Structure formats: C-alpha cells, structure tokens
C-alpha cells in the first residue's frame, strides 16, 4: 500500500471529495461589451459599467499590439 504524506493513496483517491462541497446558488452577471459610450463614461467617471466587461475584437487587437514586445506576449 503506497502512502503520500502519511495518507494511504488508495483511500485518498477512492472518493471524489469535491462532490461533498455544496455551494450557494449565485446569479452570474451579464457581460457587457466596451462600446465607445461605455469607454467614455468610464474615462470620465472611473466607474465600470458592469462587473464583467468584454473587449471588442478591435480592442483585443489594440491590446495585443501594445504588448507585442512583452516577454510574456505568447501568454497573452
């Protein structure tokens, strides 16, 4: 019988312990796209229009162009 850090591995992995976790129900926020109007409002007030904001393909391209020289570019 193999052990891992004092735990019998056959017993430790025989059960999916994550199945015992119960999480409260949540309402997922609706993602909003960064439209020019929302960008202007954010720049003026500093307030994000919503908790989840999504870039347009053009905005994503601008970001990737701006980090082109970054050593972690492939990560982006």
PDB file of N, CA and C in Angstrom:
ATOM      1  N   UNK A   1       0.849  -1.171   0.000  1.00  0.00           N
ATOM      2  CA  UNK A   1       0.000   0.000   0.000  1.00  0.00           C
ATOM      3  C   UNK A   1       0.900   1.242   0.000  1.00  0.00           C
ATOM      4  N   UNK A   2       0.688   2.138  -0.948  1.00  0.00           N
ATOM      5  CA  UNK A   2       1.512   3.336  -1.067  1.00  0.00           C
ATOM      6  C   UNK A   2       0.949   4.447  -0.185  1.00  0.00           C
ATOM      7  N   UNK A   3       1.864   5.267   0.316  1.00  0.00           N
ATOM      8  CA  UNK A   3       1.428   6.424   1.101  1.00  0.00           C
ATOM      9  C   UNK A   3       1.992   7.685   0.478  1.00  0.00           C
ATOM     10  N   UNK A   4       1.290   8.764   0.687  1.00  0.00           N
ATOM     11  CA  UNK A   4       1.719  10.057   0.183  1.00  0.00           C
ATOM     12  C   UNK A   4       1.516  11.052   1.320  1.00  0.00           C
ATOM     13  N   UNK A   5       2.595  11.490   1.913  1.00  0.00           N
ATOM     14  CA  UNK A   5       2.488  12.435   3.016  1.00  0.00           C
ATOM     15  C   UNK A   5       1.690  11.894   4.178  1.00  0.00           C
ATOM     16  N   UNK A   6       1.765  10.591   4.403  1.00  0.00           N
ATOM     17  CA  UNK A   6       1.059   9.987   5.530  1.00  0.00           C
ATOM     18  C   UNK A   6      -0.360   9.562   5.206  1.00  0.00           C
ATOM     19  N   UNK A   7      -0.790   9.746   3.949  1.00  0.00           N
ATOM     20  CA  UNK A   7      -2.145   9.362   3.560  1.00  0.00           C
ATOM     21  C   UNK A   7      -2.073   8.111   2.690  1.00  0.00           C
ATOM     22  N   UNK A   8      -2.901   7.149   2.976  1.00  0.00           N
ATOM     23  CA  UNK A   8      -2.959   5.951   2.137  1.00  0.00           C
ATOM     24  C   UNK A   8      -3.603   6.359   0.810  1.00  0.00           C
ATOM     25  N   UNK A   9      -2.829   6.310  -0.265  1.00  0.00           N
ATOM     26  CA  UNK A   9      -3.304   6.834  -1.545  1.00  0.00           C
ATOM     27  C   UNK A   9      -4.524   6.093  -2.078  1.00  0.00           C
ATOM     28  N   UNK A  10      -4.610   4.799  -1.844  1.00  0.00           N
ATOM     29  CA  UNK A  10      -5.781   4.060  -2.324  1.00  0.00           C
ATOM     30  C   UNK A  10      -7.058   4.612  -1.711  1.00  0.00           C
ATOM     31  N   UNK A  11      -6.994   4.995  -0.442  1.00  0.00           N
ATOM     32  CA  UNK A  11      -8.171   5.525   0.229  1.00  0.00           C
ATOM     33  C   UNK A  11      -8.392   7.001  -0.090  1.00  0.00           C
ATOM     34  N   UNK A  12      -7.311   7.741  -0.275  1.00  0.00           N
ATOM     35  CA  UNK A  12      -7.428   9.176  -0.508  1.00  0.00           C
ATOM     36  C   UNK A  12      -8.085   9.476  -1.846  1.00  0.00           C
ATOM     37  N   UNK A  13      -7.787   8.651  -2.866  1.00  0.00           N
ATOM     38  CA  UNK A  13      -8.301   8.932  -4.198  1.00  0.00           C
ATOM     39  C   UNK A  13      -9.470   8.035  -4.591  1.00  0.00           C
ATOM     40  N   UNK A  14      -9.940   7.229  -3.674  1.00  0.00           N
ATOM     41  CA  UNK A  14     -11.065   6.346  -3.960  1.00  0.00           C
ATOM     42  C   UNK A  14     -12.375   7.124  -3.986  1.00  0.00           C
ATOM     43  N   UNK A  15     -12.393   8.295  -3.399  1.00  0.00           N
ATOM     44  CA  UNK A  15     -13.617   9.094  -3.323  1.00  0.00           C
ATOM     45  C   UNK A  15     -13.329  10.494  -3.858  1.00  0.00           C
ATOM     46  N   UNK A  16     -14.280  11.053  -4.581  1.00  0.00           N
ATOM     47  CA  UNK A  16     -14.155  12.426  -5.067  1.00  0.00           C
ATOM     48  C   UNK A  16     -14.703  13.346  -3.975  1.00  0.00           C
ATOM     49  N   UNK A  17     -13.808  13.898  -3.164  1.00  0.00           N
ATOM     50  CA  UNK A  17     -14.218  14.711  -2.021  1.00  0.00           C
ATOM     51  C   UNK A  17     -14.882  16.013  -2.453  1.00  0.00           C
ATOM     52  N   UNK A  18     -14.617  16.473  -3.652  1.00  0.00           N
ATOM     53  CA  UNK A  18     -15.234  17.716  -4.137  1.00  0.00           C
ATOM     54  C   UNK A  18     -16.744  17.549  -4.295  1.00  0.00           C
ATOM     55  N   UNK A  19     -17.210  16.324  -4.472  1.00  0.00           N
ATOM     56  CA  UNK A  19     -18.647  16.100  -4.595  1.00  0.00           C
ATOM     57  C   UNK A  19     -19.393  16.398  -3.295  1.00  0.00           C
ATOM     58  N   UNK A  20     -18.688  16.477  -2.195  1.00  0.00           N
ATOM     59  CA  UNK A  20     -19.324  16.750  -0.907  1.00  0.00           C
ATOM     60  C   UNK A  20     -19.510  18.245  -0.661  1.00  0.00           C
ATOM     61  N   UNK A  21     -18.915  19.071  -1.510  1.00  0.00           N
ATOM     62  CA  UNK A  21     -18.999  20.521  -1.329  1.00  0.00           C
ATOM     63  C   UNK A  21     -20.309  21.037  -1.910  1.00  0.00           C
ATOM     64  N   UNK A  22     -21.020  21.821  -1.123  1.00  0.00           N
ATOM     65  CA  UNK A  22     -22.248  22.458  -1.596  1.00  0.00           C
ATOM     66  C   UNK A  22     -22.023  23.965  -1.611  1.00  0.00           C
ATOM     67  N   UNK A  23     -22.177  24.558  -2.782  1.00  0.00           N
ATOM     68  CA  UNK A  23     -22.003  26.000  -2.928  1.00  0.00           C
ATOM     69  C   UNK A  23     -23.358  26.666  -3.049  1.00  0.00           C
ATOM     70  N   UNK A  24     -23.473  27.889  -2.531  1.00  0.00           N
ATOM     71  CA  UNK A  24     -24.751  28.594  -2.658  1.00  0.00           C
ATOM     72  C   UNK A  24     -25.007  28.967  -4.118  1.00  0.00           C
ATOM     73  N   UNK A  25     -26.260  29.032  -4.480  1.00  0.00           N
ATOM     74  CA  UNK A  25     -26.630  29.440  -5.835  1.00  0.00           C
ATOM     75  C   UNK A  25     -26.276  30.913  -6.023  1.00  0.00           C
ATOM     76  N   UNK A  26     -25.763  31.229  -7.186  1.00  0.00           N
ATOM     77  CA  UNK A  26     -25.415  32.618  -7.486  1.00  0.00           C
ATOM     78  C   UNK A  26     -25.987  32.991  -8.846  1.00  0.00           C
ATOM     79  N   UNK A  27     -26.217  34.271  -9.026  1.00  0.00           N
ATOM     80  CA  UNK A  27     -26.642  34.782 -10.318  1.00  0.00           C
ATOM     81  C   UNK A  27     -25.420  35.334 -11.021  1.00  0.00           C
ATOM     82  N   UNK A  28     -25.133  34.797 -12.185  1.00  0.00           N
ATOM     83  CA  UNK A  28     -23.970  35.263 -12.930  1.00  0.00           C
ATOM     84  C   UNK A  28     -24.269  36.624 -13.541  1.00  0.00           C
ATOM     85  N   UNK A  29     -23.310  37.544 -13.436  1.00  0.00           N
ATOM     86  CA  UNK A  29     -23.534  38.841 -14.048  1.00  0.00           C
ATOM     87  C   UNK A  29     -23.462  38.732 -15.570  1.00  0.00           C
ATOM     88  N   UNK A  30     -24.266  39.535 -16.254  1.00  0.00           N
ATOM     89  CA  UNK A  30     -24.276  39.531 -17.710  1.00  0.00           C
ATOM     90  C   UNK A  30     -23.084  40.336 -18.210  1.00  0.00           C
ATOM     91  N   UNK A  31     -22.241  39.756 -19.065  1.00  0.00           N
ATOM     92  CA  UNK A  31     -21.103  40.510 -19.601  1.00  0.00           C
ATOM     93  C   UNK A  31     -21.578  41.639 -20.506  1.00  0.00           C
ATOM     94  N   UNK A  32     -20.882  42.766 -20.443  1.00  0.00           N
ATOM     95  CA  UNK A  32     -21.177  43.905 -21.308  1.00  0.00           C
ATOM     96  C   UNK A  32     -19.957  44.194 -22.178  1.00  0.00           C
ATOM     97  N   UNK A  33     -20.211  44.628 -23.399  1.00  0.00           N
ATOM     98  CA  UNK A  33     -19.133  44.961 -24.331  1.00  0.00           C
ATOM     99  C   UNK A  33     -18.712  46.407 -24.100  1.00  0.00           C
ATOM    100  N   UNK A  34     -17.414  46.660 -24.214  1.00  0.00           N
ATOM    101  CA  UNK A  34     -16.886  48.019 -24.092  1.00  0.00           C
ATOM    102  C   UNK A  34     -17.219  48.816 -25.354  1.00  0.00           C
ATOM    103  N   UNK A  35     -18.396  49.399 -25.386  1.00  0.00           N
ATOM    104  CA  UNK A  35     -18.774  50.259 -26.502  1.00  0.00           C
ATOM    105  C   UNK A  35     -18.092  51.612 -26.320  1.00  0.00           C
ATOM    106  N   UNK A  36     -17.999  52.431 -27.390  1.00  0.00           N
ATOM    107  CA  UNK A  36     -17.389  53.765 -27.239  1.00  0.00           C
ATOM    108  C   UNK A  36     -18.061  54.605 -26.143  1.00  0.00           C
ATOM    109  N   UNK A  37     -19.371  54.488 -26.023  1.00  0.00           N
ATOM    110  CA  UNK A  37     -20.088  55.245 -24.987  1.00  0.00           C
ATOM    111  C   UNK A  37     -19.693  54.783 -23.588  1.00  0.00           C
ATOM    112  N   UNK A  38     -19.562  53.492 -23.410  1.00  0.00           N
ATOM    113  CA  UNK A  38     -19.180  52.950 -22.096  1.00  0.00           C
ATOM    114  C   UNK A  38     -17.731  53.298 -21.766  1.00  0.00           C
ATOM    115  N   UNK A  39     -16.870  53.271 -22.767  1.00  0.00           N
ATOM    116  CA  UNK A  39     -15.472  53.665 -22.553  1.00  0.00           C
ATOM    117  C   UNK A  39     -15.412  55.127 -22.129  1.00  0.00           C
ATOM    118  N   UNK A  40     -16.170  55.998 -22.821  1.00  0.00           N
ATOM    119  CA  UNK A  40     -16.177  57.431 -22.488  1.00  0.00           C
ATOM    120  C   UNK A  40     -16.680  57.651 -21.067  1.00  0.00           C
ATOM    121  N   UNK A  41     -17.738  56.961 -20.690  1.00  0.00           N
ATOM    122  CA  UNK A  41     -18.279  57.101 -19.329  1.00  0.00           C
ATOM    123  C   UNK A  41     -17.251  56.642 -18.294  1.00  0.00           C
ATOM    124  N   UNK A  42     -16.580  55.528 -18.570  1.00  0.00           N
ATOM    125  CA  UNK A  42     -15.562  55.006 -17.652  1.00  0.00           C
ATOM    126  C   UNK A  42     -14.410  55.982 -17.506  1.00  0.00           C
ATOM    127  N   UNK A  43     -13.949  56.546 -18.633  1.00  0.00           N
ATOM    128  CA  UNK A  43     -12.847  57.503 -18.568  1.00  0.00           C
ATOM    129  C   UNK A  43     -13.244  58.759 -17.808  1.00  0.00           C
ATOM    130  N   UNK A  44     -14.504  59.168 -17.945  1.00  0.00           N
ATOM    131  CA  UNK A  44     -14.979  60.392 -17.282  1.00  0.00           C
ATOM    132  C   UNK A  44     -15.194  60.190 -15.781  1.00  0.00           C
ATOM    133  N   UNK A  45     -15.763  59.040 -15.398  1.00  0.00           N
ATOM    134  CA  UNK A  45     -16.163  58.832 -14.002  1.00  0.00           C
ATOM    135  C   UNK A  45     -15.289  57.831 -13.250  1.00  0.00           C
ATOM    136  N   UNK A  46     -14.600  56.948 -13.981  1.00  0.00           N
ATOM    137  CA  UNK A  46     -13.842  55.888 -13.333  1.00  0.00           C
ATOM    138  C   UNK A  46     -14.699  54.700 -12.930  1.00  0.00           C
ATOM    139  N   UNK A  47     -15.985  54.752 -13.255  1.00  0.00           N
ATOM    140  CA  UNK A  47     -16.906  53.673 -12.897  1.00  0.00           C
ATOM    141  C   UNK A  47     -17.048  52.688 -14.052  1.00  0.00           C
ATOM    142  N   UNK A  48     -16.859  51.412 -13.742  1.00  0.00           N
ATOM    143  CA  UNK A  48     -17.085  50.390 -14.755  1.00  0.00           C
ATOM    144  C   UNK A  48     -18.590  50.229 -14.946  1.00  0.00           C
ATOM    145  N   UNK A  49     -19.037  50.081 -16.192  1.00  0.00           N
ATOM    146  CA  UNK A  49     -20.473  49.910 -16.432  1.00  0.00           C
ATOM    147  C   UNK A  49     -21.051  48.627 -15.846  1.00  0.00           C
ATOM    148  N   UNK A  50     -20.223  47.611 -15.676  1.00  0.00           N
ATOM    149  CA  UNK A  50     -20.705  46.351 -15.122  1.00  0.00           C
ATOM    150  C   UNK A  50     -19.545  45.575 -14.523  1.00  0.00           C
ATOM    151  N   UNK A  51     -19.852  44.529 -13.767  1.00  0.00           N
ATOM    152  CA  UNK A  51     -18.785  43.758 -13.128  1.00  0.00           C
ATOM    153  C   UNK A  51     -17.972  42.918 -14.113  1.00  0.00           C
ATOM    154  N   UNK A  52     -18.572  42.571 -15.264  1.00  0.00           N
ATOM    155  CA  UNK A  52     -17.866  41.779 -16.271  1.00  0.00           C
ATOM    156  C   UNK A  52     -17.913  42.533 -17.585  1.00  0.00           C
ATOM    157  N   UNK A  53     -16.731  42.966 -18.045  1.00  0.00           N
ATOM    158  CA  UNK A  53     -16.651  43.739 -19.279  1.00  0.00           C
ATOM    159  C   UNK A  53     -15.841  42.958 -20.312  1.00  0.00           C
ATOM    160  N   UNK A  54     -16.263  43.026 -21.575  1.00  0.00           N
ATOM    161  CA  UNK A  54     -15.653  42.264 -22.654  1.00  0.00           C
ATOM    162  C   UNK A  54     -15.137  43.214 -23.732  1.00  0.00           C
ATOM    163  N   UNK A  55     -13.912  42.962 -24.186  1.00  0.00           N
ATOM    164  CA  UNK A  55     -13.340  43.767 -25.269  1.00  0.00           C
ATOM    165  C   UNK A  55     -13.935  43.355 -26.609  1.00  0.00           C
ATOM    166  N   UNK A  56     -13.984  44.309 -27.526  1.00  0.00           N
ATOM    167  CA  UNK A  56     -14.338  44.008 -28.907  1.00  0.00           C
ATOM    168  C   UNK A  56     -13.104  43.385 -29.571  1.00  0.00           C
ATOM    169  N   UNK A  57     -13.259  42.748 -30.732  1.00  0.00           N
ATOM    170  CA  UNK A  57     -12.074  42.225 -31.427  1.00  0.00           C
ATOM    171  C   UNK A  57     -11.044  43.324 -31.718  1.00  0.00           C
ATOM    172  N   UNK A  58     -11.508  44.521 -32.046  1.00  0.00           N
ATOM    173  CA  UNK A  58     -10.586  45.628 -32.312  1.00  0.00           C
ATOM    174  C   UNK A  58      -9.815  46.010 -31.054  1.00  0.00           C
ATOM    175  N   UNK A  59     -10.493  46.079 -29.918  1.00  0.00           N
ATOM    176  CA  UNK A  59      -9.828  46.410 -28.652  1.00  0.00           C
ATOM    177  C   UNK A  59      -8.826  45.325 -28.275  1.00  0.00           C
ATOM    178  N   UNK A  60      -9.180  44.077 -28.513  1.00  0.00           N
ATOM    179  CA  UNK A  60      -8.255  42.976 -28.235  1.00  0.00           C
ATOM    180  C   UNK A  60      -7.008  43.111 -29.096  1.00  0.00           C
ATOM    181  N   UNK A  61      -7.201  43.442 -30.374  1.00  0.00           N
ATOM    182  CA  UNK A  61      -6.071  43.642 -31.274  1.00  0.00           C
ATOM    183  C   UNK A  61      -5.177  44.782 -30.829  1.00  0.00           C
ATOM    184  N   UNK A  62      -5.793  45.887 -30.374  1.00  0.00           N
ATOM    185  CA  UNK A  62      -5.014  47.029 -29.876  1.00  0.00           C
ATOM    186  C   UNK A  62      -4.179  46.619 -28.668  1.00  0.00           C
ATOM    187  N   UNK A  63      -4.782  45.852 -27.771  1.00  0.00           N
ATOM    188  CA  UNK A  63      -4.046  45.391 -26.599  1.00  0.00           C
ATOM    189  C   UNK A  63      -2.865  44.516 -27.009  1.00  0.00           C
ATOM    190  N   UNK A  64      -3.120  43.558 -27.895  1.00  0.00           N
ATOM    191  CA  UNK A  64      -2.050  42.656 -28.315  1.00  0.00           C
ATOM    192  C   UNK A  64      -0.941  43.416 -29.038  1.00  0.00           C
ATOM    193  N   UNK A  65      -1.306  44.428 -29.819  1.00  0.00           N
ATOM    194  CA  UNK A  65      -0.285  45.261 -30.463  1.00  0.00           C
ATOM    195  C   UNK A  65       0.556  45.995 -29.425  1.00  0.00           C
ATOM    196  N   UNK A  66      -0.078  46.425 -28.341  1.00  0.00           N
ATOM    197  CA  UNK A  66       0.636  47.200 -27.324  1.00  0.00           C
ATOM    198  C   UNK A  66       1.583  46.349 -26.481  1.00  0.00           C
ATOM    199  N   UNK A  67       1.346  45.036 -26.417  1.00  0.00           N
ATOM    200  CA  UNK A  67       2.218  44.161 -25.619  1.00  0.00           C
ATOM    201  C   UNK A  67       3.115  43.298 -26.504  1.00  0.00           C
ATOM    202  N   UNK A  68       3.223  43.649 -27.771  1.00  0.00           N
ATOM    203  CA  UNK A  68       3.990  42.839 -28.722  1.00  0.00           C
ATOM    204  C   UNK A  68       5.417  42.597 -28.257  1.00  0.00           C
ATOM    205  N   UNK A  69       6.063  43.579 -27.639  1.00  0.00           N
ATOM    206  CA  UNK A  69       7.432  43.421 -27.184  1.00  0.00           C
ATOM    207  C   UNK A  69       7.559  42.785 -25.812  1.00  0.00           C
ATOM    208  N   UNK A  70       6.461  42.495 -25.160  1.00  0.00           N
ATOM    209  CA  UNK A  70       6.473  41.924 -23.814  1.00  0.00           C
ATOM    210  C   UNK A  70       7.025  40.498 -23.859  1.00  0.00           C
ATOM    211  N   UNK A  71       7.843  40.147 -22.878  1.00  0.00           N
ATOM    212  CA  UNK A  71       8.419  38.807 -22.855  1.00  0.00           C
ATOM    213  C   UNK A  71       7.342  37.735 -22.641  1.00  0.00           C
ATOM    214  N   UNK A  72       6.192  38.118 -22.137  1.00  0.00           N
ATOM    215  CA  UNK A  72       5.099  37.169 -21.921  1.00  0.00           C
ATOM    216  C   UNK A  72       4.032  37.265 -23.007  1.00  0.00           C
ATOM    217  N   UNK A  73       4.396  37.823 -24.164  1.00  0.00           N
ATOM    218  CA  UNK A  73       3.413  38.025 -25.237  1.00  0.00           C
ATOM    219  C   UNK A  73       2.638  36.748 -25.564  1.00  0.00           C
ATOM    220  N   UNK A  74       3.331  35.636 -25.664  1.00  0.00           N
ATOM    221  CA  UNK A  74       2.646  34.386 -26.025  1.00  0.00           C
ATOM    222  C   UNK A  74       1.630  33.971 -24.952  1.00  0.00           C
ATOM    223  N   UNK A  75       1.840  34.427 -23.741  1.00  0.00           N
ATOM    224  CA  UNK A  75       0.886  34.143 -22.667  1.00  0.00           C
ATOM    225  C   UNK A  75      -0.414  34.922 -22.851  1.00  0.00           C
ATOM    226  N   UNK A  76      -0.277  36.156 -23.335  1.00  0.00           N
ATOM    227  CA  UNK A  76      -1.470  36.975 -23.551  1.00  0.00           C
ATOM    228  C   UNK A  76      -2.326  36.341 -24.616  1.00  0.00           C
TER     229      UNK A  76
END
